[in-house]
């Protein structure tokens, strides 16, 4: 099968949509700490290569004082066999309740930009409370912020999944990925080493950590959980190691229990099915029921990425997704692309955070002060949509940025009270800055793509498609974007064009293992919880494993991604049902 001229347009659009979906799955929050709360503490070498960084340290936060926190670190080789960098290491975290005999071991894979340090730590919240208390003494009119911070800290033991399970008798483990050790001061163009940080590395690093968790806990297997990307990793890990390592799977907005399925609204697909010029696009062209439910060649797209897309992207100097949304030489092109997507009815928002390390430091040290760039003194965007003016505090700014980033509300339904400003700001402040693009470039072939006339799909995306203005808007935005591509990436585009026009795109080489082909063999219990973003990215609950003990823990299209992890209704909708599910299965063994 070869592309015709119209096929090139459709292929490029589908390629673009795929990248946009994965991009939206990854852009989560505005800033991150880099090294996290543990920093570079003294470490002691053990016989298996693991170093003890922290041993059975009591937690200090109210409601958590019965928990003990331990941390180990292990240096690993460079994935390509080169000289190991300072980031070529992982850490294993453990939380357990003192004076009790654990029911079982639970291992949680963190999500994109997340870390075990973030999942288990309490330090930043205690620092925020201390600084806010001092600030309010001098500025009493900020007292409502302090009340919210205190309320969030009081609720934290019930909302944090790792702490909640540990308090209820489980031996909980999690991992700091290599990304946690990449300094947030490193320039984006210095991240070439990340070009080899793909699925194989994440799975092998996870194997190292899980083997250590089994050794420490004394349990022969773990109950394997995953938040967001961590759910994807849990499934891919289990495709090879479920027999030896896994008692059961807990997907926390990180998959649908089977092969991931991106559903494309039929209205968007028909936009590239029309014949002739953009002016011929009318509502009459948006009605082709024969396309509904068809899979749209994800492996062909993966072949295109592996053959042409990856060299093009890496040649541009982009190796990681930056939380500061700094795309280097592609910043202007990104802005043009966002304009095109808005014209198509996909209102995606991306906010560049300049002087990223300084903004992180300013926000975490002065959370209740005005959100300014510490280097330039300028106010940070976004501004308050109600007033058009800057927000009052960094806390307000950070929470609103999380709410608006990507598709409005997909990370948190903040206006509906599903999360609090303090929770979102804290979550953002404890993320790592960089995430390897490679692991997402290897992911598209693992998805299926289907066309859907279900109005819920367009609703999940927040599409506001106005056919009366779409052709004109595209005609205004497309030429500028294409001119930019021609000027900045001409050699790479020529290669991509040759691949598109001259190759059998169904036979392009795919370098990514098809982990999903082994999902059908996984024979352990599974439970899945999904938010709006989860339904949008991974598709509705659709278990595709061998086990018949599969449970839809809940699908919540009105919740954002982070509302599932730490939202105000997390205890009743996620944590408590998950604990009951786990207790029933652990008790029956």
Protein backbone atom coordinates (compact mmCIF):
# COMPACT_ATOMS: atom_id res chain seq x y z
CA UNK A 1 0.00 0.00 0.00
CA UNK A 2 1.45 3.35 -1.03
CA UNK A 3 0.42 6.87 -0.21
CA UNK A 4 -1.31 8.95 -2.85
CA UNK A 5 -1.10 12.74 -2.58
CA UNK A 6 -4.21 12.71 -0.39
CA UNK A 7 -2.74 9.78 1.50
CA UNK A 8 0.30 11.85 2.42
CA UNK A 9 -1.99 14.49 3.91
CA UNK A 10 -3.98 11.87 5.82
CA UNK A 11 -0.82 10.12 7.00
CA UNK A 12 0.73 13.34 8.23
CA UNK A 13 -2.50 14.28 10.03
CA UNK A 14 -2.74 10.88 11.70
CA UNK A 15 0.94 11.05 12.62
CA UNK A 16 0.32 14.49 14.10
CA UNK A 17 -2.75 13.37 16.05
CA UNK A 18 -0.84 10.40 17.46
CA UNK A 19 1.99 12.63 18.60
CA UNK A 20 -0.47 15.11 20.07
CA UNK A 21 -2.24 12.41 22.09
CA UNK A 22 1.05 11.15 23.51
CA UNK A 23 2.15 14.74 24.10
CA UNK A 24 -1.05 15.44 26.05
CA UNK A 25 -0.52 12.26 28.05
CA UNK A 26 2.85 13.54 29.14
CA UNK A 27 2.48 17.30 29.79
CA UNK A 28 1.37 17.21 33.36
CA UNK A 29 2.59 20.07 35.48
CA UNK A 30 4.61 23.28 35.42
CA UNK A 31 7.77 22.80 37.43
CA UNK A 32 9.84 20.25 39.30
CA UNK A 33 12.50 19.91 41.94
CA UNK A 34 15.11 17.80 40.13
CA UNK A 35 16.90 15.97 42.96
CA UNK A 36 13.88 15.92 45.26
CA UNK A 37 13.72 15.82 49.03
CA UNK A 38 16.48 13.27 49.58
CA UNK A 39 19.14 15.15 47.65
CA UNK A 40 22.54 13.45 47.60
CA UNK A 41 22.72 11.98 51.10
CA UNK A 42 25.46 9.70 52.35
CA UNK A 43 25.12 6.15 51.05
CA UNK A 44 26.44 2.79 52.30
CA UNK A 45 27.26 -0.02 49.89
CA UNK A 46 25.58 -3.39 50.30
CA UNK A 47 26.73 -6.73 48.94
CA UNK A 48 24.28 -6.70 46.03
CA UNK A 49 25.38 -3.30 44.73
CA UNK A 50 22.58 -1.41 46.46
CA UNK A 51 23.53 1.46 48.78
CA UNK A 52 21.51 2.33 51.86
CA UNK A 53 20.62 6.02 51.69
CA UNK A 54 17.98 6.08 54.42
CA UNK A 55 17.20 3.35 56.95
CA UNK A 56 13.89 2.96 58.78
CA UNK A 57 13.44 6.70 59.33
CA UNK A 58 10.20 7.67 61.14
CA UNK A 59 7.93 10.04 59.24
CA UNK A 60 7.05 13.34 60.93
CA UNK A 61 3.76 14.43 59.39
CA UNK A 62 0.69 14.08 61.59
CA UNK A 63 -1.09 10.83 60.75
CA UNK A 64 2.09 9.26 59.32
CA UNK A 65 4.30 8.95 62.40
CA UNK A 66 3.77 5.17 62.58
CA UNK A 67 5.38 4.77 59.14
CA UNK A 68 9.05 4.10 58.45
CA UNK A 69 10.85 5.16 55.27
CA UNK A 70 13.90 3.44 53.81
CA UNK A 71 15.80 4.18 50.59
CA UNK A 72 18.41 2.23 48.59
CA UNK A 73 20.39 3.36 45.55
CA UNK A 74 22.10 1.40 42.78
CA UNK A 75 24.37 2.61 39.99
CA UNK A 76 23.58 1.03 36.62
CA UNK A 77 25.43 0.86 33.29
CA UNK A 78 24.68 3.20 30.42
CA UNK A 79 21.98 1.56 28.24
CA UNK A 80 24.27 1.71 25.19
CA UNK A 81 27.37 0.46 26.99
CA UNK A 82 29.05 3.85 27.14
CA UNK A 83 30.42 5.69 30.15
CA UNK A 84 27.80 5.92 32.88
CA UNK A 85 26.67 9.43 33.75
CA UNK A 86 25.65 10.83 37.12
CA UNK A 87 22.04 10.02 36.18
CA UNK A 88 22.67 6.31 35.50
CA UNK A 89 21.23 5.10 38.76
CA UNK A 90 17.91 4.27 40.39
CA UNK A 91 16.59 4.34 43.94
CA UNK A 92 14.17 2.04 45.71
CA UNK A 93 11.86 3.49 48.38
CA UNK A 94 10.07 1.50 51.07
CA UNK A 95 7.19 2.55 53.35
CA UNK A 96 5.90 0.23 56.07
CA UNK A 97 4.03 0.50 59.35
CA UNK A 98 6.19 -0.03 62.41
CA UNK A 99 5.27 -2.86 64.78
CA UNK A 100 3.12 -4.79 62.32
CA UNK A 101 3.58 -7.83 60.10
CA UNK A 102 2.96 -6.75 56.47
CA UNK A 103 0.07 -8.40 54.60
CA UNK A 104 1.93 -8.37 51.27
CA UNK A 105 4.36 -6.32 49.19
CA UNK A 106 3.02 -3.67 46.80
CA UNK A 107 5.30 -2.08 44.21
CA UNK A 108 4.17 1.16 42.50
CA UNK A 109 5.66 2.40 39.23
CA UNK A 110 5.42 6.24 39.14
CA UNK A 111 4.16 8.16 36.12
CA UNK A 112 5.75 10.56 33.66
CA UNK A 113 8.09 13.05 35.41
CA UNK A 114 7.17 11.37 38.70
CA UNK A 115 9.46 9.53 41.11
CA UNK A 116 9.41 7.35 44.17
CA UNK A 117 10.74 10.33 46.08
CA UNK A 118 7.58 12.23 45.17
CA UNK A 119 5.25 9.34 45.98
CA UNK A 120 6.76 8.70 49.42
CA UNK A 121 8.04 12.08 50.62
CA UNK A 122 6.56 14.52 53.10
CA UNK A 123 9.31 17.12 53.34
CA UNK A 124 8.02 19.68 50.85
CA UNK A 125 4.55 19.77 52.39
CA UNK A 126 6.06 20.33 55.84
CA UNK A 127 8.30 23.08 54.43
CA UNK A 128 5.32 24.71 52.73
CA UNK A 129 3.40 24.67 56.01
CA UNK A 130 6.32 26.20 57.90
CA UNK A 131 6.91 28.95 55.34
CA UNK A 132 3.22 29.73 54.93
CA UNK A 133 2.80 29.99 58.70
CA UNK A 134 5.64 32.49 58.89
CA UNK A 135 4.33 34.48 55.93
CA UNK A 136 0.83 34.74 57.34
CA UNK A 137 2.18 36.12 60.60
CA UNK A 138 3.38 39.13 58.64
CA UNK A 139 0.49 39.16 56.12
CA UNK A 140 -2.71 38.15 57.98
CA UNK A 141 -4.91 38.63 54.90
CA UNK A 142 -3.34 35.45 53.49
CA UNK A 143 -4.76 33.34 56.33
CA UNK A 144 -7.23 31.46 54.03
CA UNK A 145 -4.25 30.01 52.13
CA UNK A 146 -2.78 28.71 55.37
CA UNK A 147 -6.12 27.14 56.29
CA UNK A 148 -6.18 25.30 52.94
CA UNK A 149 -2.60 24.09 53.36
CA UNK A 150 -3.38 22.74 56.84
CA UNK A 151 -6.53 21.04 55.55
CA UNK A 152 -4.61 19.37 52.73
CA UNK A 153 -1.91 18.10 55.06
CA UNK A 154 -4.56 16.65 57.37
CA UNK A 155 -6.15 14.82 54.41
CA UNK A 156 -2.84 13.66 52.89
CA UNK A 157 -2.60 10.26 54.67
CA UNK A 158 -5.92 9.22 53.10
CA UNK A 159 -5.24 10.64 49.62
CA UNK A 160 -1.67 9.46 49.05
CA UNK A 161 -1.88 5.92 47.69
CA UNK A 162 1.53 4.79 48.96
CA UNK A 163 1.02 6.15 52.49
CA UNK A 164 -2.57 4.91 52.60
CA UNK A 165 -1.59 1.33 51.74
CA UNK A 166 1.32 1.38 54.19
CA UNK A 167 -0.94 2.63 56.99
CA UNK A 168 -3.26 -0.27 56.21
CA UNK A 169 -0.62 -2.93 56.62
CA UNK A 170 1.11 -3.24 53.25
CA UNK A 171 4.85 -3.18 52.59
CA UNK A 172 4.99 -0.51 49.88
CA UNK A 173 7.84 0.00 47.41
CA UNK A 174 8.45 2.40 44.54
CA UNK A 175 11.30 3.55 42.31
CA UNK A 176 13.19 6.69 41.36
CA UNK A 177 13.77 6.41 37.63
CA UNK A 178 17.01 7.69 36.09
CA UNK A 179 15.13 10.86 35.16
CA UNK A 180 15.10 11.82 38.85
CA UNK A 181 18.87 12.37 38.73
CA UNK A 182 19.05 14.57 35.64
CA UNK A 183 19.73 18.11 36.93
CA UNK A 184 16.99 20.60 36.12
CA UNK A 185 19.72 23.10 35.25
CA UNK A 186 20.93 20.98 32.33
CA UNK A 187 20.11 22.61 28.98
CA UNK A 188 17.65 20.70 26.75
CA UNK A 189 20.27 20.33 24.00
CA UNK A 190 22.58 18.47 26.42
CA UNK A 191 20.25 15.49 26.75
CA UNK A 192 21.51 13.33 23.89
CA UNK A 193 21.99 10.43 26.33
CA UNK A 194 18.21 10.23 26.65
CA UNK A 195 17.87 9.17 23.02
CA UNK A 196 18.41 5.56 24.21
CA UNK A 197 16.10 5.69 27.23
CA UNK A 198 13.33 3.51 25.87
CA UNK A 199 11.07 0.71 27.07
CA UNK A 200 13.81 -1.88 27.44
CA UNK A 201 15.72 0.33 29.88
CA UNK A 202 12.63 1.09 31.97
CA UNK A 203 11.70 -2.59 32.17
CA UNK A 204 15.21 -3.71 33.11
CA UNK A 205 15.55 -0.94 35.71
CA UNK A 206 12.18 -1.98 37.10
CA UNK A 207 13.40 -5.58 37.30
CA UNK A 208 16.41 -4.47 39.38
CA UNK A 209 14.15 -2.62 41.81
CA UNK A 210 11.52 -5.36 42.09
CA UNK A 211 14.14 -8.03 42.77
CA UNK A 212 15.46 -5.87 45.61
CA UNK A 213 11.92 -5.30 46.94
CA UNK A 214 11.32 -9.07 46.97
CA UNK A 215 14.58 -9.61 48.81
CA UNK A 216 13.86 -6.96 51.46
CA UNK A 217 10.22 -7.89 52.01
CA UNK A 218 10.65 -11.64 51.96
CA UNK A 219 7.64 -12.02 49.67
CA UNK A 220 8.26 -14.04 46.48
CA UNK A 221 6.07 -11.71 44.37
CA UNK A 222 4.66 -8.18 44.50
CA UNK A 223 1.28 -6.67 43.75
CA UNK A 224 2.30 -4.39 40.91
CA UNK A 225 0.69 -0.97 40.61
CA UNK A 226 1.28 1.90 38.24
CA UNK A 227 0.20 5.52 38.07
CA UNK A 228 -0.21 6.97 34.56
CA UNK A 229 2.89 5.93 32.55
CA UNK A 230 3.58 3.58 35.46
CA UNK A 231 0.49 1.61 34.51
CA UNK A 232 1.82 1.24 30.97
CA UNK A 233 5.13 0.07 32.44
CA UNK A 234 3.34 -2.36 34.77
CA UNK A 235 1.59 -3.98 31.80
CA UNK A 236 4.72 -4.16 29.65
CA UNK A 237 6.77 -5.45 32.59
CA UNK A 238 4.17 -8.12 33.33
CA UNK A 239 4.16 -9.23 29.69
CA UNK A 240 7.56 -10.76 30.42
CA UNK A 241 7.73 -11.26 34.19
CA UNK A 242 4.21 -11.93 35.48
CA UNK A 243 4.95 -15.57 36.34
CA UNK A 244 8.02 -14.85 38.43
CA UNK A 245 7.25 -11.45 39.96
CA UNK A 246 3.59 -10.40 39.92
CA UNK A 247 0.63 -11.37 42.15
CA UNK A 248 -1.75 -8.89 40.55
CA UNK A 249 -2.02 -5.60 38.65
CA UNK A 250 -3.37 -2.25 39.89
CA UNK A 251 -3.71 0.34 37.09
CA UNK A 252 -4.21 3.83 38.54
CA UNK A 253 -5.22 5.83 35.48
CA UNK A 254 -2.53 4.01 33.58
CA UNK A 255 -4.28 1.77 31.06
CA UNK A 256 -7.48 -0.08 30.29
CA UNK A 257 -6.39 -3.64 31.11
CA UNK A 258 -5.56 -4.53 27.52
CA UNK A 259 -4.04 -2.98 24.42
CA UNK A 260 -4.32 0.79 24.60
CA UNK A 261 -6.83 2.34 22.22
CA UNK A 262 -6.89 5.94 21.06
CA UNK A 263 -10.32 6.80 19.72
CA UNK A 264 -10.37 9.52 17.06
CA UNK A 265 -13.67 11.40 16.72
CA UNK A 266 -15.13 10.71 13.30
CA UNK A 267 -15.57 14.43 12.71
CA UNK A 268 -11.81 15.00 12.93
CA UNK A 269 -10.96 12.04 10.72
CA UNK A 270 -13.34 13.19 8.02
CA UNK A 271 -11.53 16.52 7.94
CA UNK A 272 -8.73 14.73 6.06
CA UNK A 273 -10.99 12.53 3.96
CA UNK A 274 -12.37 15.34 1.84
CA UNK A 275 -11.43 15.80 -1.82
CA UNK A 276 -10.26 19.08 -3.30
CA UNK A 277 -9.38 22.27 -1.50
CA UNK A 278 -9.98 23.28 2.09
CA UNK A 279 -12.85 25.42 0.88
CA UNK A 280 -14.73 22.25 -0.06
CA UNK A 281 -14.86 21.07 3.55
CA UNK A 282 -18.49 21.19 4.68
CA UNK A 283 -20.66 19.40 7.16
CA UNK A 284 -21.83 17.08 4.37
CA UNK A 285 -18.34 15.56 4.16
CA UNK A 286 -18.44 14.50 7.81
CA UNK A 287 -20.57 11.40 7.46
CA UNK A 288 -18.81 8.17 6.58
CA UNK A 289 -20.21 5.44 8.85
CA UNK A 290 -18.11 2.77 7.14
CA UNK A 291 -15.04 4.11 8.95
CA UNK A 292 -16.49 3.76 12.43
CA UNK A 293 -14.54 1.35 14.62
CA UNK A 294 -11.83 0.59 12.06
CA UNK A 295 -8.26 0.38 13.29
CA UNK A 296 -6.12 3.01 11.60
CA UNK A 297 -2.77 1.30 11.09
CA UNK A 298 -0.78 2.13 14.25
CA UNK A 299 2.10 -0.11 13.25
CA UNK A 300 2.44 1.78 9.98
CA UNK A 301 2.73 4.99 11.97
CA UNK A 302 5.33 3.35 14.24
CA UNK A 303 7.29 2.31 11.16
CA UNK A 304 7.15 5.86 9.85
CA UNK A 305 8.41 7.20 13.20
CA UNK A 306 11.22 4.63 13.44
CA UNK A 307 12.33 5.22 9.86
CA UNK A 308 11.88 8.96 9.39
CA UNK A 309 10.34 10.67 12.42
CA UNK A 310 13.00 9.82 15.00
CA UNK A 311 15.96 11.08 12.91
CA UNK A 312 14.03 14.25 12.11
CA UNK A 313 13.21 14.98 15.75
CA UNK A 314 16.66 14.16 17.10
CA UNK A 315 18.30 16.19 14.34
CA UNK A 316 16.36 19.18 15.62
CA UNK A 317 18.07 18.79 19.02
CA UNK A 318 15.00 17.62 20.95
CA UNK A 319 15.63 14.52 23.07
CA UNK A 320 13.25 14.99 26.00
CA UNK A 321 9.92 16.51 26.91
CA UNK A 322 10.70 19.50 29.11
CA UNK A 323 8.29 20.52 31.88
CA UNK A 324 9.33 24.10 31.20
CA UNK A 325 7.98 23.54 27.69
CA UNK A 326 11.26 24.70 26.19
CA UNK A 327 11.51 23.07 22.76
CA UNK A 328 14.70 24.93 21.83
CA UNK A 329 14.82 25.59 18.07
CA UNK A 330 11.29 24.18 17.80
CA UNK A 331 9.66 26.77 20.09
CA UNK A 332 8.35 28.85 17.22
CA UNK A 333 7.18 25.79 15.33
CA UNK A 334 5.40 24.52 18.43
CA UNK A 335 3.51 27.79 18.72
CA UNK A 336 2.49 27.56 15.06
CA UNK A 337 1.38 23.94 15.54
CA UNK A 338 -0.76 24.95 18.52
CA UNK A 339 -2.43 27.59 16.32
CA UNK A 340 -3.21 24.94 13.71
CA UNK A 341 -4.69 22.57 16.30
CA UNK A 342 -6.84 25.35 17.73
CA UNK A 343 -8.06 26.06 14.22
CA UNK A 344 -9.05 22.39 13.93
CA UNK A 345 -11.07 22.65 17.12
CA UNK A 346 -8.45 21.21 19.48
CA UNK A 347 -7.73 24.00 21.97
CA UNK A 348 -4.41 22.76 23.36
CA UNK A 349 -2.57 25.15 25.67
CA UNK A 350 1.19 25.06 26.22
CA UNK A 351 2.83 27.54 28.59
CA UNK A 352 6.57 28.08 28.33
CA UNK A 353 8.18 28.66 31.73
CA UNK A 354 11.32 30.75 31.09
CA UNK A 355 14.32 30.51 33.43
CA UNK A 356 12.92 27.25 34.65
CA UNK A 357 15.29 26.42 37.56
CA UNK A 358 14.93 29.92 38.99
CA UNK A 359 11.13 29.80 38.74
CA UNK A 360 11.13 26.44 40.54
CA UNK A 361 13.24 27.84 43.34
CA UNK A 362 11.16 31.00 43.60
CA UNK A 363 7.87 29.14 43.63
CA UNK A 364 8.88 26.61 46.27
CA UNK A 365 10.54 29.16 48.53
CA UNK A 366 7.90 31.90 48.20
CA UNK A 367 4.64 30.07 47.44
CA UNK A 368 2.38 32.88 48.69
CA UNK A 369 4.17 35.71 46.90
CA UNK A 370 3.48 37.13 43.42
CA UNK A 371 4.25 34.72 40.56
CA UNK A 372 7.12 36.50 38.83
CA UNK A 373 10.09 35.25 36.84
CA UNK A 374 12.92 35.75 39.38
CA UNK A 375 15.35 36.67 36.58
CA UNK A 376 13.30 39.25 34.64
CA UNK A 377 10.73 40.24 37.25
CA UNK A 378 7.94 39.69 34.72
CA UNK A 379 4.68 38.04 35.73
CA UNK A 380 4.32 34.40 34.73
CA UNK A 381 1.61 33.17 32.39
CA UNK A 382 -1.13 32.07 32.44
CA UNK A 383 -2.99 35.04 33.85
CA UNK A 384 -6.33 34.89 35.65
CA UNK A 385 -8.94 34.28 32.95
CA UNK A 386 -11.59 36.15 34.96
CA UNK A 387 -9.62 39.37 35.39
CA UNK A 388 -6.96 39.18 32.70
CA UNK A 389 -4.42 40.05 35.38
CA UNK A 390 -1.60 38.04 36.99
CA UNK A 391 -2.48 35.70 39.82
CA UNK A 392 -2.00 36.77 43.41
CA UNK A 393 0.40 33.97 44.39
CA UNK A 394 2.66 31.31 42.95
CA UNK A 395 0.24 28.80 44.46
CA UNK A 396 -2.70 30.18 42.43
CA UNK A 397 -0.58 30.37 39.30
CA UNK A 398 0.76 26.80 39.58
CA UNK A 399 -2.68 25.31 40.25
CA UNK A 400 -4.23 27.17 37.30
CA UNK A 401 -1.38 26.15 35.01
CA UNK A 402 -2.00 22.49 35.85
CA UNK A 403 -5.70 22.97 35.18
CA UNK A 404 -5.19 24.67 31.80
CA UNK A 405 -2.14 22.81 30.46
CA UNK A 406 -2.86 20.61 27.47
CA UNK A 407 -6.63 20.30 27.17
CA UNK A 408 -8.30 22.35 29.88
CA UNK A 409 -9.27 20.22 32.85
CA UNK A 410 -7.71 16.95 31.71
CA UNK A 411 -5.23 16.98 34.61
CA UNK A 412 -7.60 18.32 37.23
CA UNK A 413 -11.21 19.44 37.41
CA UNK A 414 -10.15 22.20 39.76
CA UNK A 415 -13.24 24.43 39.29
CA UNK A 416 -15.49 21.56 40.43
CA UNK A 417 -13.44 21.11 43.61
CA UNK A 418 -11.99 17.74 42.59
CA UNK A 419 -8.54 18.92 43.72
CA UNK A 420 -7.21 21.85 45.73
CA UNK A 421 -4.74 24.55 44.78
CA UNK A 422 -2.27 23.35 47.41
CA UNK A 423 -2.36 19.75 46.18
CA UNK A 424 -1.76 20.72 42.54
CA UNK A 425 1.03 23.15 43.40
CA UNK A 426 2.74 20.59 45.65
CA UNK A 427 2.41 17.89 42.99
CA UNK A 428 3.93 20.15 40.35
CA UNK A 429 6.80 21.20 42.60
CA UNK A 430 7.91 17.60 43.20
CA UNK A 431 8.10 16.47 39.57
CA UNK A 432 11.33 15.97 37.62
CA UNK A 433 12.01 18.34 34.73
CA UNK A 434 12.88 16.03 31.82
CA UNK A 435 11.31 12.90 30.39
CA UNK A 436 12.87 10.94 27.49
CA UNK A 437 11.06 11.38 24.20
CA UNK A 438 12.32 7.97 23.12
CA UNK A 439 9.96 5.98 25.34
CA UNK A 440 6.98 7.75 23.72
CA UNK A 441 8.39 7.45 20.21
CA UNK A 442 8.49 3.70 20.85
CA UNK A 443 4.92 3.65 22.13
CA UNK A 444 2.69 4.55 19.20
CA UNK A 445 2.82 1.06 17.69
CA UNK A 446 1.56 -0.34 21.00
CA UNK A 447 -1.70 1.57 20.64
CA UNK A 448 -4.61 0.76 18.42
CA UNK A 449 -6.38 3.66 16.75
CA UNK A 450 -10.06 3.54 16.02
CA UNK A 451 -12.61 5.95 14.66
CA UNK A 452 -15.65 6.65 16.77
CA UNK A 453 -18.95 8.43 16.29
CA UNK A 454 -19.58 8.30 20.04
CA UNK A 455 -20.17 11.91 21.16
CA UNK A 456 -18.41 11.10 24.45
CA UNK A 457 -15.09 10.89 22.60
CA UNK A 458 -15.33 14.45 21.29
CA UNK A 459 -16.57 15.53 24.71
CA UNK A 460 -13.53 14.00 26.45
CA UNK A 461 -11.26 15.95 24.12
CA UNK A 462 -13.15 19.17 24.70
CA UNK A 463 -13.46 19.69 20.95
CA UNK A 464 -15.33 22.79 19.89
CA UNK A 465 -15.30 22.28 16.14
CA UNK A 466 -16.83 25.13 14.13
CA UNK A 467 -17.07 23.90 10.54
CA UNK A 468 -18.04 27.33 9.31
CA UNK A 469 -14.63 28.73 10.24
CA UNK A 470 -12.36 25.68 10.15
CA UNK A 471 -11.39 25.80 6.43
CA UNK A 472 -10.50 29.47 6.59
CA UNK A 473 -8.63 29.06 9.85
CA UNK A 474 -6.58 26.19 8.46
CA UNK A 475 -5.81 28.16 5.32
CA UNK A 476 -4.50 30.95 7.53
CA UNK A 477 -2.35 28.80 9.80
CA UNK A 478 -1.12 25.93 7.58
CA UNK A 479 1.07 27.89 5.12
CA UNK A 480 3.06 29.57 7.90
CA UNK A 481 3.63 26.25 9.66
CA UNK A 482 4.71 24.50 6.47
CA UNK A 483 7.04 27.40 5.60
CA UNK A 484 8.61 27.07 9.04
CA UNK A 485 9.17 23.33 8.53
CA UNK A 486 10.65 23.88 5.09
CA UNK A 487 13.08 26.48 6.42
CA UNK A 488 14.24 24.78 9.61
CA UNK A 489 14.06 21.06 8.85
CA UNK A 490 14.42 20.77 5.08
CA UNK A 491 16.87 17.81 5.04
CA UNK A 492 14.84 15.79 7.52
CA UNK A 493 11.57 16.62 5.81
CA UNK A 494 12.99 15.45 2.49
CA UNK A 495 13.87 12.11 4.08
CA UNK A 496 10.41 11.84 5.61
CA UNK A 497 8.80 12.81 2.32
CA UNK A 498 10.74 10.15 0.47
CA UNK A 499 9.65 7.57 3.01
CA UNK A 500 6.04 8.63 2.71
CA UNK A 501 5.89 8.80 -1.06
CA UNK A 502 8.24 6.02 -2.05
CA UNK A 503 7.88 3.33 0.58
CA UNK A 504 5.45 0.63 1.44
CA UNK A 505 4.57 2.13 4.79
CA UNK A 506 3.08 -1.11 6.10
CA UNK A 507 6.50 -2.74 5.74
CA UNK A 508 8.64 -0.04 7.34
CA UNK A 509 10.90 -1.53 10.04
CA UNK A 510 9.63 -1.28 13.61
CA UNK A 511 12.26 -1.33 16.35
CA UNK A 512 9.86 -1.43 19.29
CA UNK A 513 8.94 -4.83 20.78
CA UNK A 514 5.22 -5.57 20.65
CA UNK A 515 4.74 -6.07 24.37
CA UNK A 516 0.97 -6.01 23.97
CA UNK A 517 1.08 -9.30 22.05
CA UNK A 518 1.90 -11.04 25.35
CA UNK A 519 -0.82 -9.34 27.43
CA UNK A 520 -3.12 -12.23 26.56
CA UNK A 521 -0.89 -14.58 28.56
CA UNK A 522 -0.93 -12.58 31.82
CA UNK A 523 -2.90 -14.62 34.32
CA UNK A 524 -3.18 -12.55 37.50
CA UNK A 525 -6.01 -10.43 38.98
CA UNK A 526 -6.31 -6.87 37.64
CA UNK A 527 -8.13 -3.71 38.69
CA UNK A 528 -8.27 -0.45 36.75
CA UNK A 529 -9.29 3.12 37.65
CA UNK A 530 -9.62 5.77 34.92
CA UNK A 531 -10.10 9.53 34.63
CA UNK A 532 -11.00 11.70 31.66
CA UNK A 533 -7.40 11.62 30.46
CA UNK A 534 -7.19 7.85 30.92
CA UNK A 535 -10.33 7.29 28.88
CA UNK A 536 -8.99 9.65 26.24
CA UNK A 537 -5.48 8.19 25.96
CA UNK A 538 -5.86 4.48 26.74
CA UNK A 539 -9.52 4.00 25.87
CA UNK A 540 -12.35 2.55 27.98
CA UNK A 541 -11.91 -0.42 30.30
CA UNK A 542 -11.20 -3.41 28.06
CA UNK A 543 -9.22 -6.18 29.80
CA UNK A 544 -7.19 -8.28 27.41
CA UNK A 545 -5.36 -10.64 29.76
CA UNK A 546 -5.82 -14.35 30.45
CA UNK A 547 -7.24 -13.92 33.94
CA UNK A 548 -10.99 -13.73 34.44
CA UNK A 549 -10.47 -11.95 37.77
CA UNK A 550 -10.58 -8.47 36.26
CA UNK A 551 -12.32 -5.47 37.83
CA UNK A 552 -13.35 -2.06 36.56
CA UNK A 553 -12.62 -0.07 39.71
CA UNK A 554 -14.24 2.99 38.19
CA UNK A 555 -14.30 5.20 35.09
CA UNK A 556 -14.69 8.89 35.91
CA UNK A 557 -14.88 11.23 32.90
CA UNK A 558 -15.47 14.19 35.22
CA UNK A 559 -12.18 13.66 37.05
CA UNK A 560 -8.81 14.88 35.84
CA UNK A 561 -5.68 12.75 35.81
CA UNK A 562 -4.32 14.04 39.12
CA UNK A 563 -7.77 13.90 40.76
CA UNK A 564 -7.44 10.09 40.58
CA UNK A 565 -4.09 10.18 42.44
CA UNK A 566 -4.65 12.89 45.07
CA UNK A 567 -8.05 14.47 44.49
CA UNK A 568 -10.55 15.39 47.16
CA UNK A 569 -12.69 12.33 46.32
CA UNK A 570 -9.73 9.99 45.86
CA UNK A 571 -10.27 8.20 49.22
CA UNK A 572 -13.85 7.16 48.43
CA UNK A 573 -13.48 6.57 44.67
CA UNK A 574 -10.00 5.02 44.42
CA UNK A 575 -8.03 4.30 47.59
CA UNK A 576 -10.73 2.63 49.68
CA UNK A 577 -12.08 0.44 46.81
CA UNK A 578 -8.50 -0.48 45.88
CA UNK A 579 -7.71 -1.49 49.46
CA UNK A 580 -10.84 -3.63 49.68
CA UNK A 581 -10.02 -5.27 46.32
CA UNK A 582 -6.48 -6.00 47.50
CA UNK A 583 -7.49 -7.27 50.95
CA UNK A 584 -9.95 -9.77 49.47
CA UNK A 585 -7.32 -11.27 47.19
CA UNK A 586 -4.45 -11.24 49.66
CA UNK A 587 -6.69 -12.80 52.32
CA UNK A 588 -7.72 -15.62 49.99
CA UNK A 589 -4.13 -16.73 49.35
